[in-house]
Amino acid sequence: MNERGNDYLGLHVLVDDDPRWDCSPVEQARKACSAQVPVVQLRVKNATDEQCLKWAKEIRAMTRISNTRFVVNDRFDIALLAEADAVHLGQTDLPPAAIPAEFRARLAIGRSTHTEAQLKTARSEDVDYVAFGPVFGTTSKESEFDARGLEALALAAELASPRPLIAIGGIQLSDVSDLRDSGAAGFAVISAIVESEDPTDAARAFILAFDHE
């Protein structure tokens, strides 16, 4: 596996500003950090850049305390200003090669993929881990892609190797064993945690399930 990518195994808790949630990204992150999740990813689609940076700095402070890796989605500038550990780049974001070398040294890079062609391209990019999905479909963001399924996930894990593959999209606790069996080194969750009665307990259950499969 990619040595730097090894820092991004296991559960990634996505926190975002979807108006459906009754708490802010910071509060979502606080509950995740209480469970000592391996990774928190901030995804901002509605707020201003100023608000995004404010949230990012607050989350950075709490993730340091819980020894959690902090990732900012889409925006490497916000990631740098907030002193995040990594930036997660989608297919419509700046390509990894556009990030200057001096900034690249400070940030790990994750890369979203949805197709076999995108996975093959990611193999030639300077990235540390690769995300693939939606595996089961998702209601937390709009996607032009249908659910990919476990067979496609297994192929994605092979294509991404030696970089770790992170599964994303519609993941429930009951799916964790199948994700591991399909070769995923980690997985990202939002709805199944933020919509639960106790998000901290839900995050702990995901961690336990993945670590003991």
Protein backbone atom coordinates (compact mmCIF):
# COMPACT_ATOMS: atom_id res chain seq x y z
CA MET A 1 0.00 0.00 0.00
CA ASN A 2 0.95 3.60 -0.46
CA GLU A 3 2.72 4.56 2.78
CA ARG A 4 1.03 7.94 3.11
CA GLY A 5 -2.28 6.42 2.13
CA ASN A 6 -2.07 4.12 5.14
CA ASP A 7 -3.13 7.09 7.27
CA TYR A 8 -6.56 7.03 5.60
CA LEU A 9 -7.73 3.48 6.24
CA GLY A 10 -10.99 2.59 7.96
CA LEU A 11 -13.95 4.88 8.60
CA HIS A 12 -14.15 8.30 6.96
CA VAL A 13 -16.99 10.35 8.47
CA LEU A 14 -18.23 12.94 6.00
CA VAL A 15 -19.53 16.14 7.58
CA ASP A 16 -21.28 18.70 5.44
CA ASP A 17 -23.69 21.64 5.27
CA ASP A 18 -26.65 19.79 3.78
CA PRO A 19 -29.73 21.68 5.01
CA ARG A 20 -31.41 18.35 5.85
CA TRP A 21 -29.16 17.89 8.87
CA ASP A 22 -30.12 19.53 12.14
CA CYS A 23 -26.54 20.25 13.19
CA SER A 24 -23.59 22.07 11.65
CA PRO A 25 -20.51 20.40 10.16
CA VAL A 26 -18.62 21.34 13.31
CA GLU A 27 -21.14 19.60 15.55
CA GLN A 28 -21.15 16.57 13.25
CA ALA A 29 -17.36 16.47 13.48
CA ARG A 30 -17.42 16.83 17.26
CA LYS A 31 -19.61 13.73 17.57
CA ALA A 32 -17.35 11.82 15.19
CA CYS A 33 -14.23 12.84 17.07
CA SER A 34 -15.85 11.68 20.31
CA ALA A 35 -15.82 8.22 18.73
CA GLN A 36 -12.15 8.70 17.76
CA VAL A 37 -12.86 8.01 14.11
CA PRO A 38 -9.77 7.64 11.89
CA VAL A 39 -10.77 10.34 9.37
CA VAL A 40 -13.16 13.29 9.18
CA GLN A 41 -13.87 14.85 5.78
CA LEU A 42 -15.43 18.30 5.46
CA ARG A 43 -17.63 18.72 2.39
CA VAL A 44 -19.13 22.20 1.86
CA LYS A 45 -21.57 22.83 -0.97
CA ASN A 46 -23.69 25.77 0.21
CA ALA A 47 -21.72 28.06 2.54
CA THR A 48 -19.37 30.90 1.63
CA ASP A 49 -15.62 30.41 1.48
CA GLU A 50 -15.32 32.45 4.68
CA GLN A 51 -17.70 30.15 6.52
CA CYS A 52 -16.03 27.07 5.06
CA LEU A 53 -12.64 28.20 6.36
CA LYS A 54 -14.08 28.99 9.78
CA TRP A 55 -15.58 25.51 10.02
CA ALA A 56 -12.38 23.93 8.75
CA LYS A 57 -10.25 25.63 11.40
CA GLU A 58 -12.63 24.60 14.18
CA ILE A 59 -12.68 21.00 12.97
CA ARG A 60 -8.89 20.99 12.60
CA ALA A 61 -8.54 21.96 16.26
CA MET A 62 -10.75 19.13 17.51
CA THR A 63 -9.25 16.49 15.20
CA ARG A 64 -5.82 17.24 16.62
CA ILE A 65 -7.12 16.40 20.07
CA SER A 66 -8.70 13.11 18.96
CA ASN A 67 -5.75 12.16 16.72
CA THR A 68 -8.09 12.10 13.72
CA ARG A 69 -6.96 12.79 10.16
CA PHE A 70 -8.72 15.85 8.72
CA VAL A 71 -9.57 16.08 5.02
CA VAL A 72 -11.11 19.01 3.15
CA ASN A 73 -13.05 18.08 0.04
CA ASP A 74 -12.56 19.92 -3.25
CA ARG A 75 -10.55 22.92 -2.03
CA PHE A 76 -6.81 22.60 -1.58
CA ASP A 77 -6.57 26.30 -0.68
CA ILE A 78 -8.96 25.87 2.24
CA ALA A 79 -7.14 22.68 3.23
CA LEU A 80 -3.83 24.54 3.37
CA LEU A 81 -5.21 27.54 5.27
CA ALA A 82 -6.83 25.27 7.85
CA GLU A 83 -3.69 23.09 8.12
CA ALA A 84 -5.64 19.99 7.14
CA ASP A 85 -3.90 16.68 6.57
CA ALA A 86 -5.32 16.11 3.11
CA VAL A 87 -7.50 17.38 0.30
CA HIS A 88 -10.01 15.13 -1.47
CA LEU A 89 -10.40 15.97 -5.16
CA GLY A 90 -13.41 15.11 -7.29
CA GLN A 91 -13.35 14.63 -11.03
CA THR A 92 -14.41 18.24 -11.66
CA ASP A 93 -11.94 19.77 -9.20
CA LEU A 94 -8.41 20.86 -9.97
CA PRO A 95 -6.37 17.81 -11.00
CA PRO A 96 -3.69 16.63 -8.56
CA ALA A 97 -0.95 17.72 -10.96
CA ALA A 98 -2.11 21.34 -10.63
CA ILE A 99 -1.20 21.49 -6.95
CA PRO A 100 2.28 23.07 -6.61
CA ALA A 101 4.98 20.78 -5.28
CA GLU A 102 5.56 22.84 -2.14
CA PHE A 103 1.89 22.49 -1.23
CA ARG A 104 1.80 18.84 -2.23
CA ALA A 105 4.44 18.17 0.39
CA ARG A 106 2.03 19.44 3.05
CA LEU A 107 -1.10 17.64 1.86
CA ALA A 108 -2.02 14.06 1.16
CA ILE A 109 -4.42 13.74 -1.77
CA GLY A 110 -7.51 11.59 -2.17
CA ARG A 111 -9.18 11.16 -5.55
CA SER A 112 -12.82 10.39 -6.30
CA THR A 113 -13.53 7.90 -9.09
CA HIS A 114 -16.72 6.41 -10.49
CA THR A 115 -15.69 4.45 -13.59
CA GLU A 116 -13.02 2.03 -14.71
CA ALA A 117 -11.54 4.72 -16.96
CA GLN A 118 -11.24 7.16 -14.06
CA LEU A 119 -9.60 4.47 -11.92
CA LYS A 120 -7.02 3.79 -14.61
CA THR A 121 -6.29 7.50 -14.88
CA ALA A 122 -5.92 7.76 -11.10
CA ARG A 123 -3.18 5.11 -11.22
CA SER A 124 -0.98 7.58 -13.07
CA GLU A 125 -1.78 10.51 -10.77
CA ASP A 126 0.15 11.57 -7.70
CA VAL A 127 -2.52 10.61 -5.17
CA ASP A 128 -2.38 8.75 -1.87
CA TYR A 129 -5.75 7.02 -1.76
CA VAL A 130 -8.62 6.49 -4.20
CA ALA A 131 -12.34 6.66 -3.44
CA PHE A 132 -14.88 4.76 -5.52
CA GLY A 133 -18.64 4.93 -5.71
CA PRO A 134 -21.46 5.25 -5.28
CA VAL A 135 -21.31 1.61 -4.25
CA PHE A 136 -24.94 1.35 -3.12
CA GLY A 137 -26.28 4.67 -4.34
CA THR A 138 -26.55 7.79 -2.20
CA THR A 139 -29.09 10.36 -1.06
CA SER A 140 -26.57 12.72 0.55
CA LYS A 141 -25.43 14.27 -2.75
CA GLU A 142 -26.48 14.40 -6.35
CA SER A 143 -24.68 11.91 -8.57
CA GLU A 144 -24.90 11.20 -12.28
CA PHE A 145 -23.78 7.63 -11.59
CA ASP A 146 -25.92 4.64 -10.66
CA ALA A 147 -24.98 2.32 -7.81
CA ARG A 148 -21.80 0.49 -8.79
CA GLY A 149 -22.19 -2.64 -6.66
CA LEU A 150 -19.71 -4.92 -4.96
CA GLU A 151 -18.37 -6.55 -8.11
CA ALA A 152 -17.33 -3.17 -9.46
CA LEU A 153 -15.87 -2.31 -6.05
CA ALA A 154 -13.68 -5.42 -6.13
CA LEU A 155 -12.38 -4.46 -9.57
CA ALA A 156 -11.80 -0.91 -8.37
CA ALA A 157 -9.70 -2.18 -5.46
CA GLU A 158 -7.52 -4.11 -7.89
CA LEU A 159 -7.12 -1.14 -10.22
CA ALA A 160 -6.32 1.27 -7.38
CA SER A 161 -3.66 -0.98 -5.86
CA PRO A 162 -1.21 -0.35 -4.26
CA ARG A 163 -3.14 2.72 -3.15
CA PRO A 164 -5.90 2.00 -0.62
CA LEU A 165 -9.44 2.14 -1.94
CA ILE A 166 -12.19 3.92 0.02
CA ALA A 167 -15.76 2.86 -0.73
CA ILE A 168 -18.47 5.52 -0.69
CA GLY A 169 -22.19 5.76 -1.30
CA GLY A 170 -25.19 4.50 0.66
CA ILE A 171 -23.16 2.42 3.10
CA GLN A 172 -24.95 0.90 6.10
CA LEU A 173 -23.52 -1.01 9.04
CA SER A 174 -24.64 -4.30 7.53
CA ASP A 175 -22.51 -3.62 4.44
CA VAL A 176 -19.16 -3.45 6.22
CA SER A 177 -18.29 -7.14 5.88
CA ASP A 178 -19.01 -7.08 2.14
CA LEU A 179 -16.83 -4.00 1.70
CA ARG A 180 -13.89 -5.72 3.38
CA ASP A 181 -14.42 -8.89 1.36
CA SER A 182 -14.42 -6.80 -1.83
CA GLY A 183 -11.02 -5.30 -1.03
CA ALA A 184 -11.94 -1.89 0.34
CA ALA A 185 -9.36 -0.51 2.77
CA GLY A 186 -11.82 2.00 4.13
CA PHE A 187 -15.25 3.52 3.62
CA ALA A 188 -16.98 6.88 3.88
CA VAL A 189 -20.32 7.39 5.62
CA ILE A 190 -22.59 10.34 6.24
CA SER A 191 -26.33 9.57 6.32
CA ALA A 192 -26.12 6.39 8.41
CA ILE A 193 -24.28 8.36 11.09
CA VAL A 194 -25.76 11.86 11.04
CA GLU A 195 -29.33 10.53 10.87
CA SER A 196 -28.86 8.04 13.70
CA GLU A 197 -30.20 8.61 17.21
CA ASP A 198 -26.65 8.74 18.57
CA PRO A 199 -24.05 9.60 15.89
CA THR A 200 -21.14 8.91 18.23
CA ASP A 201 -22.37 5.41 19.03
CA ALA A 202 -23.12 4.83 15.33
CA ALA A 203 -19.57 5.80 14.39
CA ARG A 204 -18.16 3.48 17.07
CA ALA A 205 -20.27 0.62 15.70
CA PHE A 206 -18.90 1.17 12.18
CA ILE A 207 -15.33 1.24 13.49
CA LEU A 208 -15.83 -1.94 15.50
CA ALA A 209 -17.44 -3.76 12.59
CA PHE A 210 -14.67 -2.86 10.15
CA ASP A 211 -11.82 -3.56 12.56
CA HIS A 212 -13.17 -6.98 13.57
CA GLU A 213 -14.28 -8.41 10.26
